């Protein structure tokens, strides 16, 4: 079995450090120390911290898409159950981190997007792809008359992601799950309420 490269170790370390310290607070020295790898390895593999951050963001999103596939594409559950399961799993993960961490996509949107056009553009692409994955599940729920057709699937998916990211941000302030639980209670009683017969 091939030995993991310094590049892979540095990316994994970068994910950990940027999750903890976000973009501005994550120094190259901290990242290579976390790896552990020689500092020269960073510059050998990455042209800039900005490009490195983009790859870390892509790695995070790939991991998140795995969870999306496991939940939103689980045909043993109804579309509404799938949506709720995804939100519940994220809530549990944030609770295990004692609400000190949020979503790296949301954190980068707040901090890195104003500083980097490259990262802002990549974040916009990620949100578009993420929205499409949720919209597919919502459309399936609407086709099965499980979710009201008041709004288009892409609009509902966009609303869901934007509001959910806001609720995650609040958990970092409140240090509890209430913002997420409140969001779920309201969204499943309104936007994702089962249509009346």
N, C-alpha and C. Protein backbone atom coordinates (compact mmCIF):
# COMPACT_ATOMS: atom_id res chain seq x y z
N UNK A 1 0.86 -1.19 0.00
CA UNK A 1 0.00 0.00 0.00
C UNK A 1 0.90 1.25 0.00
N UNK A 2 0.64 2.20 -0.93
CA UNK A 2 1.51 3.37 -0.99
C UNK A 2 1.37 4.25 0.26
N UNK A 3 2.50 4.83 0.62
CA UNK A 3 2.53 5.73 1.78
C UNK A 3 1.82 7.04 1.42
N UNK A 4 0.98 7.58 2.32
CA UNK A 4 0.31 8.86 2.01
C UNK A 4 1.34 9.95 1.75
N UNK A 5 1.07 10.76 0.76
CA UNK A 5 2.01 11.84 0.41
C UNK A 5 1.88 12.99 1.39
N UNK A 6 2.94 13.80 1.43
CA UNK A 6 2.87 15.00 2.25
C UNK A 6 1.70 15.87 1.81
N UNK A 7 1.43 15.88 0.50
CA UNK A 7 0.34 16.70 -0.03
C UNK A 7 -0.98 16.31 0.62
N UNK A 8 -1.26 15.01 0.64
CA UNK A 8 -2.51 14.53 1.24
C UNK A 8 -2.57 14.85 2.73
N UNK A 9 -1.45 14.64 3.42
CA UNK A 9 -1.41 14.93 4.86
C UNK A 9 -1.62 16.41 5.12
N UNK A 10 -1.01 17.25 4.27
CA UNK A 10 -1.17 18.70 4.46
C UNK A 10 -2.61 19.12 4.21
N UNK A 11 -3.25 18.54 3.21
CA UNK A 11 -4.66 18.87 2.95
C UNK A 11 -5.55 18.45 4.11
N UNK A 12 -5.34 17.24 4.63
CA UNK A 12 -6.14 16.78 5.78
C UNK A 12 -5.89 17.67 6.99
N UNK A 13 -4.63 18.03 7.20
CA UNK A 13 -4.30 18.93 8.31
C UNK A 13 -4.93 20.29 8.09
N UNK A 14 -4.90 20.77 6.85
CA UNK A 14 -5.51 22.06 6.53
C UNK A 14 -7.00 22.07 6.81
N UNK A 15 -7.65 20.96 6.50
CA UNK A 15 -9.09 20.85 6.79
C UNK A 15 -9.33 21.00 8.29
N UNK A 16 -8.52 20.33 9.07
CA UNK A 16 -8.66 20.39 10.53
C UNK A 16 -8.38 21.80 11.06
N UNK A 17 -7.27 22.39 10.60
CA UNK A 17 -6.87 23.71 11.10
C UNK A 17 -7.84 24.80 10.63
N UNK A 18 -8.25 24.74 9.37
CA UNK A 18 -9.17 25.77 8.86
C UNK A 18 -10.57 25.61 9.45
N UNK A 19 -10.92 24.39 9.79
CA UNK A 19 -12.20 24.19 10.48
C UNK A 19 -12.14 24.87 11.84
N UNK A 20 -11.00 24.78 12.48
CA UNK A 20 -10.83 25.36 13.81
C UNK A 20 -10.58 26.87 13.76
N UNK A 21 -9.70 27.30 12.87
CA UNK A 21 -9.24 28.70 12.86
C UNK A 21 -9.75 29.50 11.66
N UNK A 22 -10.49 28.87 10.77
CA UNK A 22 -11.02 29.44 9.53
C UNK A 22 -9.86 29.94 8.65
N UNK A 23 -10.13 30.85 7.75
CA UNK A 23 -9.16 31.19 6.71
C UNK A 23 -8.04 32.09 7.24
N UNK A 24 -8.37 33.21 7.80
CA UNK A 24 -7.35 34.17 8.23
C UNK A 24 -6.50 33.64 9.37
N UNK A 25 -7.12 32.88 10.26
CA UNK A 25 -6.40 32.39 11.44
C UNK A 25 -5.54 31.17 11.19
N UNK A 26 -5.67 30.55 10.01
CA UNK A 26 -4.93 29.33 9.71
C UNK A 26 -3.62 29.68 9.02
N UNK A 27 -2.54 29.62 9.77
CA UNK A 27 -1.22 29.91 9.20
C UNK A 27 -0.59 28.67 8.61
N UNK A 28 0.29 28.88 7.64
CA UNK A 28 0.99 27.75 7.01
C UNK A 28 1.76 26.95 8.05
N UNK A 29 2.41 27.63 8.98
CA UNK A 29 3.17 26.93 10.04
C UNK A 29 2.26 26.02 10.86
N UNK A 30 1.07 26.51 11.19
CA UNK A 30 0.12 25.69 11.96
C UNK A 30 -0.30 24.46 11.16
N UNK A 31 -0.50 24.65 9.87
CA UNK A 31 -0.97 23.56 9.01
C UNK A 31 0.10 22.47 8.87
N UNK A 32 1.34 22.87 8.58
CA UNK A 32 2.40 21.86 8.41
C UNK A 32 2.73 21.20 9.75
N UNK A 33 2.61 21.93 10.85
CA UNK A 33 2.84 21.33 12.17
C UNK A 33 1.78 20.27 12.46
N UNK A 34 0.54 20.54 12.05
CA UNK A 34 -0.56 19.59 12.25
C UNK A 34 -0.36 18.34 11.39
N UNK A 35 0.32 18.48 10.24
CA UNK A 35 0.40 17.39 9.26
C UNK A 35 1.04 16.09 9.78
N UNK A 36 2.18 16.00 10.42
CA UNK A 36 3.32 16.90 10.37
C UNK A 36 4.08 16.73 9.04
N UNK A 37 4.59 17.84 8.57
CA UNK A 37 5.33 17.85 7.30
C UNK A 37 6.28 19.03 7.30
N UNK A 38 7.36 18.96 6.54
CA UNK A 38 8.26 20.11 6.45
C UNK A 38 7.55 21.30 5.80
N UNK A 39 7.89 22.50 6.23
CA UNK A 39 7.22 23.70 5.69
C UNK A 39 7.42 23.82 4.19
N UNK A 40 8.59 23.37 3.69
CA UNK A 40 8.84 23.43 2.26
C UNK A 40 7.88 22.58 1.45
N UNK A 41 7.29 21.55 2.09
CA UNK A 41 6.32 20.70 1.39
C UNK A 41 5.09 21.50 0.97
N UNK A 42 4.73 22.46 1.81
CA UNK A 42 3.55 23.27 1.48
C UNK A 42 3.79 24.01 0.17
N UNK A 43 4.91 24.71 0.07
CA UNK A 43 5.18 25.49 -1.14
C UNK A 43 5.48 24.60 -2.34
N UNK A 44 5.94 23.36 -2.10
CA UNK A 44 6.15 22.43 -3.21
C UNK A 44 4.84 21.99 -3.84
N UNK A 45 3.81 21.88 -3.02
CA UNK A 45 2.53 21.34 -3.49
C UNK A 45 1.47 22.40 -3.79
N UNK A 46 1.58 23.58 -3.18
CA UNK A 46 0.53 24.60 -3.31
C UNK A 46 1.17 25.95 -3.64
N UNK A 47 0.64 26.62 -4.65
CA UNK A 47 1.24 27.89 -5.09
C UNK A 47 0.95 29.03 -4.13
N UNK A 48 -0.18 28.94 -3.39
CA UNK A 48 -0.53 30.02 -2.46
C UNK A 48 -1.48 29.46 -1.40
N UNK A 49 -1.62 30.21 -0.32
CA UNK A 49 -2.58 29.82 0.71
C UNK A 49 -4.00 29.84 0.14
N UNK A 50 -4.27 30.78 -0.76
CA UNK A 50 -5.59 30.90 -1.37
C UNK A 50 -5.93 29.64 -2.18
N UNK A 51 -4.99 29.16 -2.98
CA UNK A 51 -5.24 27.95 -3.76
C UNK A 51 -5.35 26.73 -2.84
N UNK A 52 -4.54 26.71 -1.80
CA UNK A 52 -4.65 25.64 -0.82
C UNK A 52 -6.04 25.63 -0.17
N UNK A 53 -6.51 26.81 0.22
CA UNK A 53 -7.82 26.93 0.85
C UNK A 53 -8.92 26.43 -0.09
N UNK A 54 -8.77 26.70 -1.37
CA UNK A 54 -9.76 26.20 -2.34
C UNK A 54 -9.78 24.67 -2.34
N UNK A 55 -8.60 24.06 -2.29
CA UNK A 55 -8.56 22.59 -2.27
C UNK A 55 -9.13 22.02 -0.97
N UNK A 56 -8.87 22.70 0.14
CA UNK A 56 -9.45 22.29 1.42
C UNK A 56 -10.98 22.38 1.35
N UNK A 57 -11.46 23.45 0.78
CA UNK A 57 -12.91 23.64 0.62
C UNK A 57 -13.50 22.52 -0.25
N UNK A 58 -12.81 22.17 -1.33
CA UNK A 58 -13.27 21.08 -2.20
C UNK A 58 -13.29 19.75 -1.45
N UNK A 59 -12.27 19.51 -0.63
CA UNK A 59 -12.21 18.28 0.17
C UNK A 59 -13.38 18.22 1.15
N UNK A 60 -13.65 19.35 1.80
CA UNK A 60 -14.78 19.42 2.74
C UNK A 60 -16.09 19.14 2.01
N UNK A 61 -16.26 19.76 0.83
CA UNK A 61 -17.51 19.59 0.09
C UNK A 61 -17.67 18.16 -0.41
N UNK A 62 -16.57 17.51 -0.80
CA UNK A 62 -16.66 16.10 -1.22
C UNK A 62 -17.15 15.25 -0.07
N UNK A 63 -16.65 15.49 1.13
CA UNK A 63 -17.10 14.75 2.31
C UNK A 63 -18.59 15.01 2.58
N UNK A 64 -18.99 16.27 2.42
CA UNK A 64 -20.39 16.63 2.65
C UNK A 64 -21.31 15.99 1.61
N UNK A 65 -20.85 15.94 0.36
CA UNK A 65 -21.66 15.31 -0.69
C UNK A 65 -21.86 13.82 -0.43
N UNK A 66 -20.90 13.20 0.24
CA UNK A 66 -21.06 11.79 0.61
C UNK A 66 -22.25 11.64 1.57
N UNK A 67 -22.34 12.55 2.54
CA UNK A 67 -23.48 12.52 3.47
C UNK A 67 -24.78 12.82 2.73
N UNK A 68 -24.75 13.77 1.81
CA UNK A 68 -25.95 14.09 1.01
C UNK A 68 -26.41 12.84 0.26
N UNK A 69 -25.47 12.12 -0.35
CA UNK A 69 -25.83 10.92 -1.10
C UNK A 69 -26.43 9.85 -0.18
N UNK A 70 -25.83 9.69 0.99
CA UNK A 70 -26.31 8.66 1.93
C UNK A 70 -27.69 8.98 2.48
N UNK A 71 -28.03 10.24 2.57
CA UNK A 71 -29.33 10.61 3.16
C UNK A 71 -30.37 10.96 2.09
N UNK A 72 -30.07 11.94 1.25
CA UNK A 72 -31.08 12.43 0.31
C UNK A 72 -31.39 11.46 -0.82
N UNK A 73 -30.51 10.49 -1.05
CA UNK A 73 -30.76 9.51 -2.10
C UNK A 73 -31.18 8.15 -1.54
N UNK A 74 -31.47 8.10 -0.26
CA UNK A 74 -31.88 6.85 0.40
C UNK A 74 -33.36 6.57 0.09
N UNK A 75 -33.57 5.70 -0.88
CA UNK A 75 -34.94 5.45 -1.35
C UNK A 75 -35.76 4.60 -0.39
N UNK A 76 -35.16 4.16 0.72
CA UNK A 76 -35.95 3.43 1.71
C UNK A 76 -36.75 4.41 2.58
N UNK A 77 -36.48 5.71 2.42
CA UNK A 77 -37.16 6.74 3.20
C UNK A 77 -37.92 7.67 2.26
N UNK A 78 -38.92 8.34 2.81
CA UNK A 78 -39.63 9.34 2.01
C UNK A 78 -38.73 10.58 1.86
N UNK A 79 -38.99 11.42 0.87
CA UNK A 79 -38.17 12.63 0.72
C UNK A 79 -38.14 13.52 1.96
N UNK A 80 -39.28 13.70 2.61
CA UNK A 80 -39.31 14.51 3.84
C UNK A 80 -38.45 13.87 4.93
N UNK A 81 -38.52 12.54 5.07
CA UNK A 81 -37.70 11.84 6.06
C UNK A 81 -36.21 12.01 5.74
N UNK A 82 -35.87 11.98 4.46
CA UNK A 82 -34.47 12.13 4.05
C UNK A 82 -33.94 13.52 4.42
N UNK A 83 -34.74 14.54 4.13
CA UNK A 83 -34.35 15.91 4.47
C UNK A 83 -34.14 16.05 5.97
N UNK A 84 -35.08 15.51 6.73
CA UNK A 84 -34.97 15.61 8.19
C UNK A 84 -33.76 14.84 8.70
N UNK A 85 -33.50 13.66 8.14
CA UNK A 85 -32.36 12.86 8.56
C UNK A 85 -31.05 13.62 8.33
N UNK A 86 -30.91 14.24 7.17
CA UNK A 86 -29.70 15.01 6.89
C UNK A 86 -29.50 16.10 7.94
N UNK A 87 -30.56 16.86 8.22
CA UNK A 87 -30.47 17.96 9.19
C UNK A 87 -30.17 17.43 10.60
N UNK A 88 -30.75 16.28 10.93
CA UNK A 88 -30.51 15.69 12.26
C UNK A 88 -29.06 15.22 12.40
N UNK A 89 -28.50 14.63 11.34
CA UNK A 89 -27.11 14.17 11.39
C UNK A 89 -26.17 15.36 11.57
N UNK A 90 -26.41 16.44 10.83
CA UNK A 90 -25.57 17.63 10.97
C UNK A 90 -25.70 18.20 12.39
N UNK A 91 -26.91 18.23 12.92
CA UNK A 91 -27.12 18.71 14.29
C UNK A 91 -26.30 17.88 15.28
N UNK A 92 -26.33 16.56 15.12
CA UNK A 92 -25.58 15.67 16.02
C UNK A 92 -24.08 15.92 15.91
N UNK A 93 -23.57 16.12 14.68
CA UNK A 93 -22.13 16.37 14.50
C UNK A 93 -21.72 17.68 15.17
N UNK A 94 -22.54 18.70 15.02
CA UNK A 94 -22.21 19.99 15.63
C UNK A 94 -22.28 19.89 17.15
N UNK A 95 -23.23 19.10 17.66
CA UNK A 95 -23.35 18.91 19.11
C UNK A 95 -22.11 18.21 19.66
N UNK A 96 -21.59 17.22 18.91
CA UNK A 96 -20.38 16.51 19.37
C UNK A 96 -19.19 17.45 19.45
N UNK A 97 -19.17 18.47 18.61
CA UNK A 97 -18.10 19.48 18.66
C UNK A 97 -18.44 20.61 19.63
N UNK A 98 -19.49 20.41 20.43
CA UNK A 98 -19.94 21.38 21.43
C UNK A 98 -20.25 22.75 20.81
N UNK A 99 -20.69 22.71 19.56
CA UNK A 99 -21.12 23.91 18.83
C UNK A 99 -20.01 24.96 18.71
N UNK A 100 -18.77 24.50 18.79
CA UNK A 100 -17.63 25.41 18.58
C UNK A 100 -17.29 25.52 17.11
N UNK A 101 -17.68 24.53 16.33
CA UNK A 101 -17.44 24.54 14.89
C UNK A 101 -18.77 24.70 14.17
N UNK A 102 -18.69 25.20 12.98
CA UNK A 102 -19.90 25.32 12.16
C UNK A 102 -19.73 24.54 10.88
N UNK A 103 -20.09 25.16 9.79
CA UNK A 103 -19.94 24.59 8.46
C UNK A 103 -18.81 25.37 7.78
N UNK A 104 -17.82 24.66 7.25
CA UNK A 104 -16.69 25.34 6.63
C UNK A 104 -17.14 26.18 5.43
N UNK A 105 -18.16 25.73 4.73
CA UNK A 105 -18.67 26.50 3.59
C UNK A 105 -19.25 27.83 4.07
N UNK A 106 -20.03 27.78 5.15
CA UNK A 106 -20.58 29.01 5.72
C UNK A 106 -19.51 29.91 6.30
N UNK A 107 -18.54 29.29 7.00
CA UNK A 107 -17.46 30.08 7.59
C UNK A 107 -16.63 30.78 6.51
N UNK A 108 -16.30 30.06 5.44
CA UNK A 108 -15.55 30.67 4.35
C UNK A 108 -16.38 31.77 3.66
N UNK A 109 -17.68 31.56 3.58
CA UNK A 109 -18.54 32.57 2.95
C UNK A 109 -18.47 33.88 3.71
N UNK A 110 -18.43 33.78 5.03
CA UNK A 110 -18.35 34.98 5.87
C UNK A 110 -16.98 35.63 5.82
N UNK A 111 -15.94 34.81 5.90
CA UNK A 111 -14.61 35.37 6.10
C UNK A 111 -13.79 35.47 4.82
N UNK A 112 -13.75 34.42 4.02
CA UNK A 112 -12.82 34.39 2.88
C UNK A 112 -13.40 35.02 1.62
N UNK A 113 -14.71 34.90 1.41
CA UNK A 113 -15.31 35.42 0.16
C UNK A 113 -15.03 36.90 -0.05
N UNK A 114 -15.10 37.75 0.99
CA UNK A 114 -14.80 39.17 0.76
C UNK A 114 -13.32 39.43 0.44
N UNK A 115 -12.44 38.50 0.80
CA UNK A 115 -11.00 38.70 0.60
C UNK A 115 -10.48 38.08 -0.68
N UNK A 116 -11.18 37.09 -1.22
CA UNK A 116 -10.65 36.33 -2.35
C UNK A 116 -11.73 36.10 -3.40
N UNK A 117 -11.52 36.64 -4.59
CA UNK A 117 -12.47 36.41 -5.68
C UNK A 117 -12.47 34.94 -6.09
N UNK A 118 -11.31 34.30 -6.04
CA UNK A 118 -11.24 32.87 -6.37
C UNK A 118 -12.12 32.05 -5.43
N UNK A 119 -12.00 32.30 -4.14
CA UNK A 119 -12.80 31.55 -3.16
C UNK A 119 -14.27 31.93 -3.24
N UNK A 120 -14.57 33.20 -3.48
CA UNK A 120 -15.96 33.62 -3.62
C UNK A 120 -16.62 32.89 -4.79
N UNK A 121 -15.91 32.82 -5.92
CA UNK A 121 -16.44 32.14 -7.10
C UNK A 121 -16.65 30.65 -6.82
N UNK A 122 -15.67 30.03 -6.15
CA UNK A 122 -15.81 28.60 -5.84
C UNK A 122 -16.97 28.36 -4.88
N UNK A 123 -17.13 29.23 -3.91
CA UNK A 123 -18.25 29.08 -2.97
C UNK A 123 -19.59 29.19 -3.70
N UNK A 124 -19.70 30.12 -4.65
CA UNK A 124 -20.93 30.25 -5.43
C UNK A 124 -21.22 28.97 -6.20
N UNK A 125 -20.17 28.35 -6.75
CA UNK A 125 -20.34 27.08 -7.48
C UNK A 125 -20.79 25.97 -6.54
N UNK A 126 -20.19 25.95 -5.35
CA UNK A 126 -20.55 24.93 -4.36
C UNK A 126 -22.01 25.09 -3.95
N UNK A 127 -22.43 26.31 -3.65
CA UNK A 127 -23.83 26.52 -3.26
C UNK A 127 -24.79 26.11 -4.38
N UNK A 128 -24.43 26.39 -5.64
CA UNK A 128 -25.29 26.00 -6.77
C UNK A 128 -25.41 24.49 -6.85
N UNK A 129 -24.29 23.78 -6.70
CA UNK A 129 -24.33 22.31 -6.77
C UNK A 129 -25.09 21.73 -5.58
N UNK A 130 -24.83 22.28 -4.40
CA UNK A 130 -25.49 21.83 -3.17
C UNK A 130 -27.00 22.02 -3.30
N UNK A 131 -27.40 23.19 -3.80
CA UNK A 131 -28.83 23.49 -3.98
C UNK A 131 -29.47 22.48 -4.92
N UNK A 132 -28.78 22.12 -6.00
CA UNK A 132 -29.32 21.17 -6.97
C UNK A 132 -29.57 19.81 -6.33
N UNK A 133 -28.66 19.38 -5.45
CA UNK A 133 -28.83 18.09 -4.77
C UNK A 133 -30.07 18.10 -3.88
N UNK A 134 -30.28 19.19 -3.15
CA UNK A 134 -31.47 19.30 -2.30
C UNK A 134 -32.74 19.45 -3.15
N UNK A 135 -32.64 20.21 -4.23
CA UNK A 135 -33.81 20.43 -5.09
C UNK A 135 -34.32 19.13 -5.68
N UNK A 136 -33.41 18.20 -6.00
CA UNK A 136 -33.82 16.91 -6.57
C UNK A 136 -34.69 16.14 -5.57
N UNK A 137 -34.28 16.15 -4.30
CA UNK A 137 -35.06 15.46 -3.26
C UNK A 137 -36.40 16.16 -3.04
N UNK A 138 -36.38 17.48 -3.04
CA UNK A 138 -37.62 18.25 -2.85
C UNK A 138 -38.58 18.01 -4.02
N UNK A 139 -38.05 17.99 -5.23
CA UNK A 139 -38.89 17.74 -6.42
C UNK A 139 -39.53 16.36 -6.33
N UNK A 140 -38.77 15.39 -5.84
CA UNK A 140 -39.32 14.04 -5.67
C UNK A 140 -40.46 14.06 -4.65
N UNK A 141 -40.27 14.82 -3.57
CA UNK A 141 -41.32 14.95 -2.56
C UNK A 141 -42.56 15.63 -3.12
N UNK A 142 -42.36 16.63 -3.95
CA UNK A 142 -43.51 17.31 -4.57
C UNK A 142 -44.22 16.39 -5.55
N UNK A 143 -43.48 15.61 -6.32
CA UNK A 143 -44.09 14.68 -7.27
C UNK A 143 -44.90 13.61 -6.56
N UNK A 144 -44.48 13.26 -5.35
CA UNK A 144 -45.19 12.25 -4.56
C UNK A 144 -46.28 12.89 -3.70
N UNK A 145 -46.53 14.19 -3.88
CA UNK A 145 -47.52 14.95 -3.10
C UNK A 145 -47.21 14.91 -1.61
N UNK A 146 -45.93 14.85 -1.28
CA UNK A 146 -45.52 14.84 0.11
C UNK A 146 -45.07 16.23 0.56
N UNK A 147 -44.67 17.04 -0.38
CA UNK A 147 -44.26 18.42 -0.12
C UNK A 147 -45.09 19.33 -1.02
N UNK A 148 -45.63 20.39 -0.45
CA UNK A 148 -46.48 21.31 -1.22
C UNK A 148 -45.70 21.91 -2.39
N UNK A 149 -46.42 22.21 -3.47
CA UNK A 149 -45.79 22.77 -4.68
C UNK A 149 -45.90 24.28 -4.74
N UNK A 150 -46.06 24.91 -3.60
CA UNK A 150 -46.20 26.37 -3.54
C UNK A 150 -44.98 27.07 -4.15
N UNK A 151 -43.80 26.50 -3.92
CA UNK A 151 -42.56 27.09 -4.43
C UNK A 151 -41.81 26.06 -5.26
N UNK A 152 -41.02 26.56 -6.20
CA UNK A 152 -40.21 25.68 -7.05
C UNK A 152 -39.16 24.97 -6.20
N UNK A 153 -38.78 23.75 -6.58
CA UNK A 153 -37.79 23.01 -5.79
C UNK A 153 -36.47 23.76 -5.58
N UNK A 154 -35.96 24.45 -6.61
CA UNK A 154 -34.70 25.17 -6.44
C UNK A 154 -34.85 26.34 -5.45
N UNK A 155 -36.02 26.99 -5.47
CA UNK A 155 -36.25 28.08 -4.51
C UNK A 155 -36.32 27.55 -3.08
N UNK A 156 -36.99 26.42 -2.90
CA UNK A 156 -37.07 25.82 -1.57
C UNK A 156 -35.70 25.36 -1.10
N UNK A 157 -34.93 24.77 -2.01
CA UNK A 157 -33.58 24.31 -1.65
C UNK A 157 -32.69 25.49 -1.26
N UNK A 158 -32.80 26.58 -2.00
CA UNK A 158 -32.01 27.77 -1.69
C UNK A 158 -32.39 28.34 -0.33
N UNK A 159 -33.69 28.40 -0.08
CA UNK A 159 -34.18 28.87 1.22
C UNK A 159 -33.67 27.97 2.34
N UNK A 160 -33.75 26.67 2.14
CA UNK A 160 -33.31 25.71 3.15
C UNK A 160 -31.84 25.92 3.48
N UNK A 161 -30.99 25.98 2.46
CA UNK A 161 -29.55 26.11 2.71
C UNK A 161 -29.20 27.45 3.35
N UNK A 162 -29.79 28.52 2.86
CA UNK A 162 -29.48 29.84 3.42
C UNK A 162 -29.92 29.94 4.88
N UNK A 163 -31.11 29.48 5.17
CA UNK A 163 -31.62 29.55 6.54
C UNK A 163 -30.87 28.61 7.47
N UNK A 164 -30.54 27.42 6.97
CA UNK A 164 -29.81 26.44 7.76
C UNK A 164 -28.42 26.97 8.11
N UNK A 165 -27.75 27.58 7.14
CA UNK A 165 -26.43 28.15 7.41
C UNK A 165 -26.52 29.25 8.47
N UNK A 166 -27.57 30.04 8.41
CA UNK A 166 -27.78 31.06 9.44
C UNK A 166 -28.00 30.45 10.81
N UNK A 167 -28.76 29.36 10.87
CA UNK A 167 -29.01 28.68 12.14
C UNK A 167 -27.71 28.08 12.69
N UNK A 168 -26.87 27.54 11.80
CA UNK A 168 -25.58 26.99 12.24
C UNK A 168 -24.72 28.10 12.84
N UNK A 169 -24.73 29.25 12.20
CA UNK A 169 -23.97 30.39 12.72
C UNK A 169 -24.44 30.75 14.13
N UNK A 170 -25.74 30.73 14.34
CA UNK A 170 -26.29 31.05 15.66
C UNK A 170 -25.88 30.04 16.72
N UNK A 171 -25.71 28.76 16.33
CA UNK A 171 -25.32 27.76 17.33
C UNK A 171 -23.94 28.06 17.90
N UNK A 172 -23.08 28.68 17.08
CA UNK A 172 -21.74 29.01 17.57
C UNK A 172 -21.80 30.13 18.61
N UNK A 173 -22.84 30.94 18.54
CA UNK A 173 -23.04 32.01 19.52
C UNK A 173 -23.76 31.47 20.75
N UNK A 174 -24.83 30.71 20.52
CA UNK A 174 -25.66 30.20 21.63
C UNK A 174 -25.02 29.01 22.35
N UNK A 175 -24.16 28.27 21.64
CA UNK A 175 -23.52 27.06 22.15
C UNK A 175 -24.53 25.98 22.53
N UNK A 176 -25.61 25.90 21.74
CA UNK A 176 -26.57 24.82 21.92
C UNK A 176 -27.31 24.59 20.60
N UNK A 177 -28.13 23.55 20.57
CA UNK A 177 -28.82 23.14 19.34
C UNK A 177 -30.11 23.90 19.07
N UNK A 178 -30.53 24.76 19.96
CA UNK A 178 -31.84 25.38 19.83
C UNK A 178 -32.06 26.09 18.49
N UNK A 179 -31.10 26.86 17.95
CA UNK A 179 -31.35 27.49 16.64
C UNK A 179 -31.64 26.47 15.54
N UNK A 180 -30.96 25.32 15.58
CA UNK A 180 -31.19 24.28 14.58
C UNK A 180 -32.53 23.59 14.82
N UNK A 181 -32.81 23.29 16.08
CA UNK A 181 -34.08 22.63 16.40
C UNK A 181 -35.27 23.53 16.06
N UNK A 182 -35.14 24.82 16.33
CA UNK A 182 -36.19 25.78 16.00
C UNK A 182 -36.41 25.82 14.49
N UNK A 183 -35.31 25.89 13.76
CA UNK A 183 -35.41 25.91 12.29
C UNK A 183 -36.15 24.67 11.80
N UNK A 184 -35.79 23.50 12.31
CA UNK A 184 -36.43 22.25 11.84
C UNK A 184 -37.91 22.23 12.19
N UNK A 185 -38.24 22.66 13.41
CA UNK A 185 -39.66 22.68 13.80
C UNK A 185 -40.47 23.56 12.85
N UNK A 186 -39.95 24.73 12.57
CA UNK A 186 -40.70 25.70 11.74
C UNK A 186 -40.74 25.25 10.29
N UNK A 187 -39.61 24.83 9.75
CA UNK A 187 -39.57 24.51 8.32
C UNK A 187 -40.44 23.29 7.99
N UNK A 188 -40.50 22.31 8.91
CA UNK A 188 -41.33 21.13 8.62
C UNK A 188 -42.79 21.36 8.96
N UNK A 189 -43.10 22.47 9.62
CA UNK A 189 -44.50 22.82 9.87
C UNK A 189 -45.01 23.83 8.85
N UNK A 190 -44.10 24.36 8.02
CA UNK A 190 -44.51 25.39 7.04
C UNK A 190 -44.07 25.01 5.63
N UNK A 191 -42.83 25.31 5.27
CA UNK A 191 -42.35 25.11 3.90
C UNK A 191 -42.42 23.66 3.45
N UNK A 192 -42.10 22.75 4.38
CA UNK A 192 -42.10 21.32 4.05
C UNK A 192 -43.25 20.58 4.72
N UNK A 193 -44.29 21.34 5.02
CA UNK A 193 -45.50 20.74 5.60
C UNK A 193 -46.15 19.83 4.56
N UNK A 194 -46.64 18.69 5.02
CA UNK A 194 -47.34 17.80 4.10
C UNK A 194 -48.62 18.49 3.62
N UNK A 195 -48.89 18.43 2.31
CA UNK A 195 -50.11 19.08 1.80
C UNK A 195 -51.36 18.46 2.42
N UNK A 196 -52.39 19.28 2.57
CA UNK A 196 -53.66 18.77 3.08
C UNK A 196 -54.31 17.89 2.02
N UNK A 197 -54.99 16.83 2.45
CA UNK A 197 -55.64 15.95 1.47
C UNK A 197 -56.76 16.66 0.74
